[in-house]
Amino acid sequence: MAIRRRIDPDEGRNALEMWVAHSEADAAPADRSTLATAVRFTLEELASRAEGNSVEVRVPPFGVTQCIPGPRHTRGTPPNVVETSAQVWLEIVTGTTEFSAALAEGAVDASGTRADISDFVPLYTSAELEGRR
């Protein structure tokens, strides 16, 4: 079953590219709207590439998604949760930071036996994103 997208893929990819450009230039951070769109787009992209409901990925305050095949969670606190900041999340999905390194540094909170999403990230490499600029 395909996920329902709320962020237009072209708009989301553009926001992600803009965030990468700001990060690489050591410029002021991208504006909040760009950051929110990039985060929401990449959460939707993760959910479409790793369809399922066994892991909840949270990037407060911008979004949350369920992904990874396995037992479905229906009530209460999910048993498998990954939570991080928007900055760290975008670094992970663009390959700037490895999931395992962010986890080891404490920049990511992950709980549950299925909460290792390293097989599904990065979603985009810098070369893929630069190829469109």
Protein backbone atom coordinates (compact mmCIF):
# COMPACT_ATOMS: atom_id res chain seq x y z
CA MET A 1 0.00 0.00 0.00
CA ALA A 2 1.47 3.32 -1.05
CA ILE A 3 1.75 6.07 1.52
CA ARG A 4 -0.30 9.21 1.19
CA ARG A 5 2.06 12.11 0.50
CA ARG A 6 1.32 15.55 1.86
CA ILE A 7 4.48 17.18 0.54
CA ASP A 8 4.85 17.49 -3.22
CA PRO A 9 7.99 15.46 -4.09
CA ASP A 10 9.48 18.25 -6.22
CA GLU A 11 8.86 20.84 -3.50
CA GLY A 12 10.29 18.51 -0.86
CA ARG A 13 13.37 17.68 -2.89
CA ASN A 14 13.96 21.39 -3.56
CA ALA A 15 13.70 22.15 0.17
CA LEU A 16 16.17 19.35 0.92
CA GLU A 17 18.58 20.65 -1.71
CA MET A 18 18.28 24.15 -0.27
CA TRP A 19 19.03 22.80 3.23
CA VAL A 20 22.09 20.96 1.88
CA ALA A 21 23.32 24.10 0.11
CA HIS A 22 23.02 26.12 3.33
CA SER A 23 24.81 23.41 5.31
CA GLU A 24 27.66 23.04 2.83
CA ALA A 25 28.18 26.79 2.60
CA ASP A 26 28.30 27.13 6.39
CA ALA A 27 25.69 29.82 5.87
CA ALA A 28 22.92 30.75 8.23
CA PRO A 29 20.55 27.83 8.70
CA ALA A 30 17.75 27.42 6.19
CA ASP A 31 14.51 29.12 7.24
CA ARG A 32 12.00 27.21 9.36
CA SER A 33 9.62 26.60 6.45
CA THR A 34 12.38 25.06 4.33
CA LEU A 35 13.53 22.95 7.26
CA ALA A 36 9.99 21.72 7.98
CA THR A 37 9.35 20.84 4.34
CA ALA A 38 12.65 18.98 4.01
CA VAL A 39 12.01 16.98 7.19
CA ARG A 40 8.44 16.09 6.26
CA PHE A 41 9.44 15.15 2.74
CA THR A 42 12.23 12.84 3.94
CA LEU A 43 9.95 11.21 6.52
CA GLU A 44 7.45 10.50 3.75
CA GLU A 45 10.26 9.20 1.55
CA LEU A 46 11.46 6.84 4.30
CA ALA A 47 7.91 5.55 4.78
CA SER A 48 7.56 4.89 1.05
CA ARG A 49 10.90 3.08 0.79
CA ALA A 50 10.45 1.04 3.99
CA GLU A 51 6.70 0.50 4.14
CA GLY A 52 5.47 -0.88 7.43
CA ASN A 53 4.31 0.03 10.89
CA SER A 54 6.79 -1.49 13.31
CA VAL A 55 9.03 1.57 13.90
CA GLU A 56 7.98 5.12 14.63
CA VAL A 57 10.44 7.83 13.55
CA ARG A 58 9.93 11.18 15.27
CA VAL A 59 11.50 14.51 14.34
CA PRO A 60 9.84 17.03 16.65
CA PRO A 61 8.25 19.43 16.09
CA PHE A 62 8.05 18.77 12.36
CA GLY A 63 6.82 15.25 11.85
CA VAL A 64 6.51 11.57 12.58
CA THR A 65 6.12 8.47 10.46
CA GLN A 66 5.75 4.76 10.84
CA CYS A 67 7.89 2.49 8.73
CA ILE A 68 9.78 -0.81 8.53
CA PRO A 69 7.93 -4.08 7.94
CA GLY A 70 7.05 -6.11 11.01
CA PRO A 71 4.50 -6.30 13.79
CA ARG A 72 2.03 -3.45 13.68
CA HIS A 73 1.76 -1.11 16.65
CA THR A 74 -1.77 0.04 17.45
CA ARG A 75 -2.08 1.44 20.99
CA GLY A 76 -0.01 3.26 23.59
CA THR A 77 3.67 4.02 23.31
CA PRO A 78 5.26 2.26 20.32
CA PRO A 79 7.83 -0.40 21.26
CA ASN A 80 10.25 0.72 18.52
CA VAL A 81 10.96 4.45 18.37
CA VAL A 82 13.66 6.58 16.76
CA GLU A 83 13.72 10.27 17.74
CA THR A 84 16.11 13.05 16.81
CA SER A 85 16.33 16.73 15.95
CA ALA A 86 15.63 18.09 12.48
CA GLN A 87 19.30 18.96 11.93
CA VAL A 88 20.54 15.48 12.82
CA TRP A 89 17.74 13.81 10.87
CA LEU A 90 18.62 15.67 7.67
CA GLU A 91 22.32 14.90 8.21
CA ILE A 92 21.42 11.20 8.48
CA VAL A 93 19.17 11.09 5.41
CA THR A 94 21.74 12.93 3.28
CA GLY A 95 24.63 10.76 4.41
CA THR A 96 26.50 13.55 6.19
CA THR A 97 26.23 11.58 9.43
CA GLU A 98 25.84 7.82 9.80
CA PHE A 99 22.89 6.62 11.85
CA SER A 100 25.15 4.47 14.05
CA ALA A 101 27.47 7.41 14.76
CA ALA A 102 24.57 9.72 15.68
CA LEU A 103 23.21 7.00 17.94
CA ALA A 104 26.59 6.47 19.62
CA GLU A 105 26.96 10.24 20.18
CA GLY A 106 23.52 10.45 21.76
CA ALA A 107 22.14 12.65 19.00
CA VAL A 108 19.50 9.99 18.28
CA ASP A 109 17.31 8.21 20.81
CA ALA A 110 16.36 4.72 19.65
CA SER A 111 14.48 2.10 21.60
CA GLY A 112 13.26 -1.34 20.65
CA THR A 113 14.71 -4.27 18.77
CA ARG A 114 13.69 -2.92 15.35
CA ALA A 115 14.78 0.69 15.90
CA ASP A 116 17.98 0.38 13.84
CA ILE A 117 17.11 2.15 10.58
CA SER A 118 20.67 2.14 9.23
CA ASP A 119 19.69 -0.23 6.40
CA PHE A 120 17.31 2.44 5.08
CA VAL A 121 19.43 5.59 5.34
CA PRO A 122 20.87 7.65 3.78
CA LEU A 123 17.96 8.33 1.46
CA TYR A 124 20.00 10.63 -0.77
CA THR A 125 23.70 11.15 -1.27
CA SER A 126 25.30 14.54 -1.74
CA ALA A 127 26.08 13.57 -5.34
CA GLU A 128 22.40 12.82 -6.06
CA LEU A 129 21.33 16.15 -4.64
CA GLU A 130 24.12 18.12 -6.36
CA GLY A 131 23.26 16.49 -9.69
CA ARG A 132 20.00 18.41 -9.80
CA ARG A 133 21.52 21.82 -9.03
